């Protein structure tokens, strides 16, 4: 069945055909659960996605993101919660750090803004996002670095 994800042509029809072949089963997750991944993993992925946007050719796999801390902001009203999120972005070389930071930190601000917006949508409340870019020389080849970064 020809279809196009770009234009949306016949996507619903393809989904209908595929759905007809799926076995009927009970609901496996509650309606409000989007994934079985922990929230910190999702936050890290949102930051990584924002950081890679526009520089995938320059940093295809040299970027690791670790959520160092994710805590509710104390003394906030119940109707207006806020979460403080501290994230480290690891690259392998100083030149890669410069790419992530951008001129005068402009690229990192853009990354933080995009990631914060997505994190707030996911959590359903305001977020203070504190991003740090660090060089971990050759982290992809070092078993200690890989373990620390969660790989």
N, C-alpha and C. Protein backbone atom coordinates (compact mmCIF):
# COMPACT_ATOMS: atom_id res chain seq x y z
N UNK A 1 0.86 -1.17 0.00
CA UNK A 1 0.00 0.00 0.00
C UNK A 1 0.90 1.23 0.00
N UNK A 2 0.86 2.03 -1.03
CA UNK A 2 1.70 3.23 -1.06
C UNK A 2 1.21 4.26 -0.05
N UNK A 3 2.18 4.92 0.61
CA UNK A 3 1.83 5.97 1.56
C UNK A 3 3.00 6.93 1.65
N UNK A 4 2.78 8.07 2.29
CA UNK A 4 3.83 9.06 2.47
C UNK A 4 3.73 9.65 3.87
N UNK A 5 4.77 9.43 4.67
CA UNK A 5 4.80 10.04 6.00
C UNK A 5 5.01 11.55 5.89
N UNK A 6 5.67 11.97 4.82
CA UNK A 6 5.94 13.40 4.62
C UNK A 6 4.65 14.17 4.37
N UNK A 7 3.80 13.65 3.49
CA UNK A 7 2.55 14.36 3.17
C UNK A 7 1.37 13.85 3.97
N UNK A 8 1.52 12.67 4.56
CA UNK A 8 0.42 12.09 5.31
C UNK A 8 -0.54 11.28 4.45
N UNK A 9 -0.21 11.14 3.18
CA UNK A 9 -1.09 10.42 2.26
C UNK A 9 -1.19 8.94 2.65
N UNK A 10 -2.40 8.49 2.92
CA UNK A 10 -2.75 7.10 3.21
C UNK A 10 -2.11 6.54 4.49
N UNK A 11 -1.61 7.40 5.36
CA UNK A 11 -1.01 6.91 6.61
C UNK A 11 -2.07 6.26 7.48
N UNK A 12 -3.25 6.86 7.57
CA UNK A 12 -4.33 6.28 8.37
C UNK A 12 -4.76 4.92 7.82
N UNK A 13 -4.77 4.79 6.50
CA UNK A 13 -5.15 3.52 5.89
C UNK A 13 -4.13 2.43 6.24
N UNK A 14 -2.84 2.76 6.18
CA UNK A 14 -1.79 1.80 6.54
C UNK A 14 -1.93 1.40 8.01
N UNK A 15 -2.17 2.37 8.87
CA UNK A 15 -2.35 2.08 10.29
C UNK A 15 -3.55 1.15 10.50
N UNK A 16 -4.62 1.38 9.77
CA UNK A 16 -5.80 0.52 9.88
C UNK A 16 -5.53 -0.91 9.44
N UNK A 17 -4.81 -1.07 8.35
CA UNK A 17 -4.47 -2.41 7.86
C UNK A 17 -3.58 -3.13 8.87
N UNK A 18 -2.57 -2.44 9.37
CA UNK A 18 -1.65 -3.06 10.34
C UNK A 18 -2.37 -3.41 11.64
N UNK A 19 -3.24 -2.53 12.09
CA UNK A 19 -4.00 -2.76 13.32
C UNK A 19 -4.86 -4.00 13.21
N UNK A 20 -5.39 -4.26 12.04
CA UNK A 20 -6.24 -5.44 11.84
C UNK A 20 -5.48 -6.74 12.08
N UNK A 21 -4.18 -6.73 11.93
CA UNK A 21 -3.37 -7.94 12.13
C UNK A 21 -2.85 -8.09 13.57
N UNK A 22 -3.05 -7.08 14.38
CA UNK A 22 -2.57 -7.15 15.76
C UNK A 22 -3.53 -7.96 16.63
N UNK A 23 -2.99 -8.77 17.54
CA UNK A 23 -3.87 -9.53 18.42
C UNK A 23 -4.52 -8.62 19.47
N UNK A 24 -5.73 -8.98 19.87
CA UNK A 24 -6.42 -8.24 20.92
C UNK A 24 -5.79 -8.62 22.25
N UNK A 25 -5.52 -7.60 23.08
CA UNK A 25 -4.95 -7.87 24.41
C UNK A 25 -5.46 -6.83 25.39
N UNK A 26 -5.34 -7.13 26.67
CA UNK A 26 -5.75 -6.12 27.65
C UNK A 26 -4.76 -4.95 27.61
N UNK A 27 -5.21 -3.80 28.09
CA UNK A 27 -4.36 -2.63 28.15
C UNK A 27 -3.18 -2.93 29.07
N UNK A 28 -1.96 -2.68 28.59
CA UNK A 28 -0.76 -3.04 29.34
C UNK A 28 -0.28 -1.93 30.27
N UNK A 29 -0.62 -0.68 29.94
CA UNK A 29 -0.20 0.46 30.75
C UNK A 29 -1.38 1.39 30.97
N UNK A 30 -1.37 2.15 32.05
CA UNK A 30 -2.42 3.15 32.25
C UNK A 30 -2.38 4.21 31.14
N UNK A 31 -3.49 4.89 30.93
CA UNK A 31 -3.59 5.89 29.86
C UNK A 31 -2.54 6.98 29.98
N UNK A 32 -2.17 7.37 31.20
CA UNK A 32 -1.24 8.48 31.37
C UNK A 32 0.23 8.07 31.31
N UNK A 33 0.53 6.81 31.06
CA UNK A 33 1.91 6.33 30.98
C UNK A 33 2.32 6.27 29.51
N UNK A 34 3.38 7.02 29.17
CA UNK A 34 3.84 7.07 27.79
C UNK A 34 4.97 6.08 27.51
N UNK A 35 5.74 5.73 28.55
CA UNK A 35 6.88 4.85 28.36
C UNK A 35 7.22 4.16 29.68
N UNK A 36 8.00 3.09 29.58
CA UNK A 36 8.45 2.42 30.80
C UNK A 36 9.84 2.91 31.22
N UNK A 37 10.38 3.88 30.49
CA UNK A 37 11.68 4.46 30.84
C UNK A 37 11.52 5.40 32.03
N UNK A 38 12.53 5.44 32.92
CA UNK A 38 12.47 6.41 34.02
C UNK A 38 12.50 7.85 33.50
N UNK A 39 11.96 8.75 34.26
CA UNK A 39 11.88 10.16 33.87
C UNK A 39 13.26 10.74 33.58
N UNK A 40 14.27 10.39 34.38
CA UNK A 40 15.60 10.96 34.15
C UNK A 40 16.17 10.53 32.80
N UNK A 41 15.86 9.33 32.36
CA UNK A 41 16.32 8.87 31.04
C UNK A 41 15.64 9.69 29.95
N UNK A 42 14.36 9.94 30.12
CA UNK A 42 13.63 10.75 29.13
C UNK A 42 14.17 12.18 29.09
N UNK A 43 14.45 12.75 30.25
CA UNK A 43 15.01 14.11 30.31
C UNK A 43 16.36 14.14 29.59
N UNK A 44 17.20 13.16 29.86
CA UNK A 44 18.51 13.10 29.21
C UNK A 44 18.35 13.01 27.69
N UNK A 45 17.40 12.21 27.23
CA UNK A 45 17.18 12.07 25.78
C UNK A 45 16.68 13.37 25.16
N UNK A 46 15.83 14.10 25.87
CA UNK A 46 15.34 15.37 25.35
C UNK A 46 16.48 16.38 25.23
N UNK A 47 17.37 16.41 26.21
CA UNK A 47 18.53 17.32 26.16
C UNK A 47 19.45 16.89 25.02
N UNK A 48 19.71 15.60 24.91
CA UNK A 48 20.59 15.10 23.84
C UNK A 48 20.03 15.44 22.47
N UNK A 49 18.74 15.25 22.29
CA UNK A 49 18.09 15.56 21.02
C UNK A 49 18.24 17.04 20.69
N UNK A 50 18.01 17.90 21.67
CA UNK A 50 18.13 19.35 21.44
C UNK A 50 19.58 19.72 21.12
N UNK A 51 20.54 19.07 21.78
CA UNK A 51 21.95 19.38 21.55
C UNK A 51 22.41 18.92 20.16
N UNK A 52 21.87 17.83 19.68
CA UNK A 52 22.29 17.29 18.39
C UNK A 52 21.60 17.97 17.21
N UNK A 53 20.52 18.67 17.48
CA UNK A 53 19.79 19.30 16.39
C UNK A 53 20.69 20.29 15.66
N UNK A 54 20.90 20.04 14.39
CA UNK A 54 21.71 20.94 13.57
C UNK A 54 23.19 20.62 13.53
N UNK A 55 23.67 19.70 14.40
CA UNK A 55 25.10 19.37 14.40
C UNK A 55 25.33 17.86 14.34
N UNK A 56 24.38 17.12 13.84
CA UNK A 56 24.49 15.66 13.82
C UNK A 56 25.73 15.18 13.06
N UNK A 57 26.12 15.88 12.00
CA UNK A 57 27.30 15.46 11.25
C UNK A 57 28.59 15.68 12.04
N UNK A 58 28.61 16.72 12.86
CA UNK A 58 29.82 17.06 13.61
C UNK A 58 29.95 16.24 14.90
N UNK A 59 28.85 15.86 15.51
CA UNK A 59 28.87 15.14 16.79
C UNK A 59 27.95 13.93 16.76
N UNK A 60 28.09 13.03 15.80
CA UNK A 60 27.09 11.97 15.69
C UNK A 60 26.95 11.08 16.93
N UNK A 61 28.07 10.64 17.50
CA UNK A 61 27.98 9.75 18.66
C UNK A 61 28.89 10.20 19.79
N UNK A 62 29.41 11.39 19.69
CA UNK A 62 30.38 11.88 20.67
C UNK A 62 29.72 12.65 21.80
N UNK A 63 28.45 12.47 21.98
CA UNK A 63 27.71 13.25 22.96
C UNK A 63 26.99 12.32 23.93
N UNK A 64 27.26 12.51 25.22
CA UNK A 64 26.55 11.75 26.25
C UNK A 64 25.92 12.75 27.21
N UNK A 65 24.73 12.45 27.67
CA UNK A 65 24.02 13.35 28.58
C UNK A 65 23.67 12.59 29.85
N UNK A 66 24.00 13.20 30.99
CA UNK A 66 23.72 12.59 32.29
C UNK A 66 22.94 13.59 33.14
N UNK A 67 21.80 13.15 33.66
CA UNK A 67 21.04 13.97 34.60
C UNK A 67 21.67 13.76 35.97
N UNK A 68 22.35 14.79 36.46
CA UNK A 68 23.07 14.71 37.73
C UNK A 68 22.11 14.82 38.92
N UNK A 69 21.09 15.66 38.74
CA UNK A 69 20.16 15.89 39.85
C UNK A 69 18.82 16.36 39.28
N UNK A 70 17.76 15.85 39.88
CA UNK A 70 16.42 16.25 39.47
C UNK A 70 15.56 16.25 40.73
N UNK A 71 15.32 17.46 41.27
CA UNK A 71 14.62 17.56 42.55
C UNK A 71 13.54 18.64 42.48
N UNK A 72 12.45 18.42 43.22
CA UNK A 72 11.42 19.46 43.27
C UNK A 72 11.97 20.70 44.00
N UNK A 73 11.62 21.86 43.51
CA UNK A 73 12.03 23.11 44.15
C UNK A 73 11.28 23.22 45.47
N UNK A 74 12.01 23.40 46.58
CA UNK A 74 11.35 23.49 47.89
C UNK A 74 10.54 24.78 48.02
N UNK A 75 9.56 24.73 48.89
CA UNK A 75 8.72 25.89 49.25
C UNK A 75 7.95 26.47 48.08
N UNK A 76 7.56 25.62 47.13
CA UNK A 76 6.73 26.07 46.02
C UNK A 76 5.28 25.76 46.35
N UNK A 77 4.35 26.60 45.93
CA UNK A 77 2.94 26.29 46.15
C UNK A 77 2.55 25.02 45.41
N UNK A 78 1.61 24.29 45.98
CA UNK A 78 1.17 23.03 45.38
C UNK A 78 0.64 23.20 43.96
N UNK A 79 -0.03 24.32 43.72
CA UNK A 79 -0.62 24.56 42.40
C UNK A 79 0.41 25.04 41.37
N UNK A 80 1.65 25.29 41.79
CA UNK A 80 2.68 25.79 40.88
C UNK A 80 4.04 25.13 41.18
N UNK A 81 4.14 23.81 40.99
CA UNK A 81 5.40 23.14 41.29
C UNK A 81 6.49 23.50 40.29
N UNK A 82 7.72 23.28 40.70
CA UNK A 82 8.86 23.52 39.82
C UNK A 82 9.92 22.47 40.15
N UNK A 83 10.61 22.00 39.12
CA UNK A 83 11.67 21.01 39.31
C UNK A 83 12.99 21.61 38.87
N UNK A 84 14.02 21.45 39.71
CA UNK A 84 15.37 21.86 39.36
C UNK A 84 16.08 20.65 38.76
N UNK A 85 16.62 20.82 37.55
CA UNK A 85 17.28 19.74 36.84
C UNK A 85 18.70 20.18 36.49
N UNK A 86 19.69 19.43 36.97
CA UNK A 86 21.09 19.71 36.65
C UNK A 86 21.59 18.62 35.73
N UNK A 87 22.07 19.03 34.56
CA UNK A 87 22.44 18.09 33.51
C UNK A 87 23.87 18.37 33.05
N UNK A 88 24.64 17.29 32.86
CA UNK A 88 25.98 17.40 32.28
C UNK A 88 25.95 16.80 30.88
N UNK A 89 26.51 17.55 29.94
CA UNK A 89 26.65 17.09 28.57
C UNK A 89 28.13 16.81 28.36
N UNK A 90 28.46 15.58 28.04
CA UNK A 90 29.85 15.17 27.88
C UNK A 90 30.21 15.03 26.40
N UNK A 91 31.36 15.60 26.04
CA UNK A 91 31.93 15.45 24.71
C UNK A 91 33.35 14.92 24.87
N UNK A 92 33.97 14.52 23.77
CA UNK A 92 35.29 13.91 23.85
C UNK A 92 36.45 14.89 23.69
N UNK A 93 36.21 16.04 23.03
CA UNK A 93 37.31 16.96 22.76
C UNK A 93 36.87 18.41 23.00
N UNK A 94 37.83 19.27 23.33
CA UNK A 94 37.50 20.69 23.51
C UNK A 94 36.86 21.32 22.27
N UNK A 95 37.23 20.88 21.08
CA UNK A 95 36.62 21.43 19.87
C UNK A 95 35.13 21.11 19.81
N UNK A 96 34.75 19.94 20.32
CA UNK A 96 33.34 19.56 20.35
C UNK A 96 32.59 20.40 21.39
N UNK A 97 33.26 20.70 22.49
CA UNK A 97 32.65 21.57 23.51
C UNK A 97 32.33 22.93 22.91
N UNK A 98 33.26 23.45 22.11
CA UNK A 98 33.03 24.75 21.47
C UNK A 98 31.83 24.71 20.54
N UNK A 99 31.63 23.58 19.87
CA UNK A 99 30.48 23.44 18.97
C UNK A 99 29.18 23.50 19.77
N UNK A 100 29.14 22.78 20.88
CA UNK A 100 27.93 22.76 21.72
C UNK A 100 27.66 24.14 22.32
N UNK A 101 28.72 24.80 22.80
CA UNK A 101 28.54 26.11 23.43
C UNK A 101 28.12 27.17 22.43
N UNK A 102 28.73 27.17 21.24
CA UNK A 102 28.44 28.21 20.26
C UNK A 102 29.09 29.52 20.66
N UNK A 103 28.98 30.49 19.81
CA UNK A 103 29.61 31.79 20.05
C UNK A 103 28.96 32.47 21.26
N UNK A 104 29.77 32.73 22.28
CA UNK A 104 29.27 33.39 23.48
C UNK A 104 28.23 32.58 24.24
N UNK A 105 28.19 31.26 24.01
CA UNK A 105 27.22 30.41 24.70
C UNK A 105 25.84 30.43 24.07
N UNK A 106 25.72 31.04 22.90
CA UNK A 106 24.39 31.19 22.28
C UNK A 106 23.76 29.86 21.92
N UNK A 107 24.55 28.93 21.42
CA UNK A 107 23.99 27.62 21.04
C UNK A 107 23.52 26.86 22.27
N UNK A 108 24.29 26.90 23.36
CA UNK A 108 23.88 26.20 24.58
C UNK A 108 22.59 26.79 25.14
N UNK A 109 22.44 28.11 25.07
CA UNK A 109 21.18 28.74 25.52
C UNK A 109 20.01 28.23 24.69
N UNK A 110 20.22 28.10 23.38
CA UNK A 110 19.17 27.61 22.49
C UNK A 110 18.84 26.15 22.83
N UNK A 111 19.87 25.35 23.06
CA UNK A 111 19.67 23.94 23.43
C UNK A 111 18.87 23.87 24.72
N UNK A 112 19.27 24.67 25.72
CA UNK A 112 18.57 24.68 27.01
C UNK A 112 17.12 25.10 26.89
N UNK A 113 16.87 26.10 26.07
CA UNK A 113 15.51 26.60 25.89
C UNK A 113 14.61 25.54 25.25
N UNK A 114 15.12 24.90 24.17
CA UNK A 114 14.33 23.86 23.50
C UNK A 114 14.10 22.66 24.41
N UNK A 115 15.16 22.23 25.08
CA UNK A 115 15.04 21.07 25.96
C UNK A 115 14.10 21.38 27.13
N UNK A 116 14.22 22.56 27.71
CA UNK A 116 13.36 22.93 28.85
C UNK A 116 11.90 22.91 28.45
N UNK A 117 11.59 23.44 27.27
CA UNK A 117 10.20 23.45 26.80
C UNK A 117 9.66 22.02 26.69
N UNK A 118 10.46 21.12 26.12
CA UNK A 118 10.02 19.73 25.97
C UNK A 118 9.90 19.02 27.32
N UNK A 119 10.82 19.30 28.23
CA UNK A 119 10.77 18.69 29.57
C UNK A 119 9.55 19.17 30.32
N UNK A 120 9.26 20.46 30.21
CA UNK A 120 8.07 21.01 30.88
C UNK A 120 6.79 20.37 30.34
N UNK A 121 6.74 20.14 29.03
CA UNK A 121 5.56 19.46 28.45
C UNK A 121 5.43 18.06 29.03
N UNK A 122 6.56 17.38 29.14
CA UNK A 122 6.54 16.01 29.64
C UNK A 122 6.15 15.95 31.12
N UNK A 123 6.71 16.84 31.93
CA UNK A 123 6.44 16.82 33.38
C UNK A 123 5.14 17.52 33.75
N UNK A 124 4.70 18.44 32.92
CA UNK A 124 3.45 19.16 33.19
C UNK A 124 3.60 20.32 34.15
N UNK A 125 4.83 20.78 34.37
CA UNK A 125 5.06 21.96 35.21
C UNK A 125 6.40 22.59 34.86
N UNK A 126 6.67 23.76 35.47
CA UNK A 126 7.88 24.52 35.16
C UNK A 126 9.14 23.77 35.60
N UNK A 127 10.23 24.07 34.87
CA UNK A 127 11.51 23.42 35.12
C UNK A 127 12.61 24.48 35.06
N UNK A 128 13.54 24.40 36.00
CA UNK A 128 14.78 25.17 35.91
C UNK A 128 15.85 24.20 35.44
N UNK A 129 16.39 24.43 34.24
CA UNK A 129 17.35 23.52 33.63
C UNK A 129 18.74 24.15 33.69
N UNK A 130 19.65 23.48 34.36
CA UNK A 130 21.03 23.93 34.53
C UNK A 130 21.94 23.01 33.72
N UNK A 131 22.44 23.50 32.57
CA UNK A 131 23.25 22.68 31.67
C UNK A 131 24.74 22.99 31.84
N UNK A 132 25.55 21.94 31.84
CA UNK A 132 27.00 22.08 31.89
C UNK A 132 27.60 21.19 30.82
N UNK A 133 28.56 21.73 30.07
CA UNK A 133 29.25 20.95 29.04
C UNK A 133 30.64 20.62 29.57
N UNK A 134 30.98 19.32 29.53
CA UNK A 134 32.25 18.86 30.07
C UNK A 134 32.97 17.99 29.03
N UNK A 135 34.29 18.07 29.06
CA UNK A 135 35.09 17.21 28.18
C UNK A 135 35.52 15.99 28.97
N UNK A 136 35.18 14.81 28.46
CA UNK A 136 35.63 13.53 29.03
C UNK A 136 36.40 12.85 27.91
N UNK A 137 37.70 13.09 27.90
CA UNK A 137 38.56 12.63 26.79
C UNK A 137 38.33 11.15 26.48
N UNK A 138 38.01 10.90 25.20
CA UNK A 138 37.81 9.54 24.69
C UNK A 138 36.88 8.69 25.55
N UNK A 139 35.78 9.26 26.01
CA UNK A 139 34.87 8.55 26.92
C UNK A 139 34.31 7.27 26.28
N UNK A 140 34.22 7.25 24.95
CA UNK A 140 33.64 6.08 24.29
C UNK A 140 34.56 4.86 24.33
N UNK A 141 35.84 5.08 24.60
CA UNK A 141 36.79 3.97 24.63
C UNK A 141 37.23 3.61 26.05
N UNK A 142 36.74 4.32 27.03
CA UNK A 142 37.16 4.10 28.41
C UNK A 142 36.03 3.42 29.20
N UNK A 143 36.24 2.18 29.64
CA UNK A 143 35.18 1.45 30.36
C UNK A 143 34.69 2.19 31.62
N UNK A 144 35.57 2.87 32.31
CA UNK A 144 35.15 3.61 33.52
C UNK A 144 34.22 4.76 33.15
N UNK A 145 34.57 5.50 32.10
CA UNK A 145 33.70 6.59 31.66
C UNK A 145 32.37 6.04 31.17
N UNK A 146 32.41 4.97 30.40
CA UNK A 146 31.17 4.38 29.89
C UNK A 146 30.24 3.97 31.04
N UNK A 147 30.81 3.37 32.07
CA UNK A 147 30.00 2.94 33.21
C UNK A 147 29.43 4.16 33.93
N UNK A 148 30.24 5.19 34.15
CA UNK A 148 29.77 6.39 34.83
C UNK A 148 28.66 7.09 34.05
N UNK A 149 28.75 7.02 32.72
CA UNK A 149 27.76 7.68 31.87
C UNK A 149 26.53 6.81 31.62
N UNK A 150 26.51 5.62 32.20
CA UNK A 150 25.33 4.77 32.11
C UNK A 150 25.27 3.86 30.91
N UNK A 151 26.41 3.60 30.29
CA UNK A 151 26.43 2.71 29.12
C UNK A 151 26.91 1.33 29.50
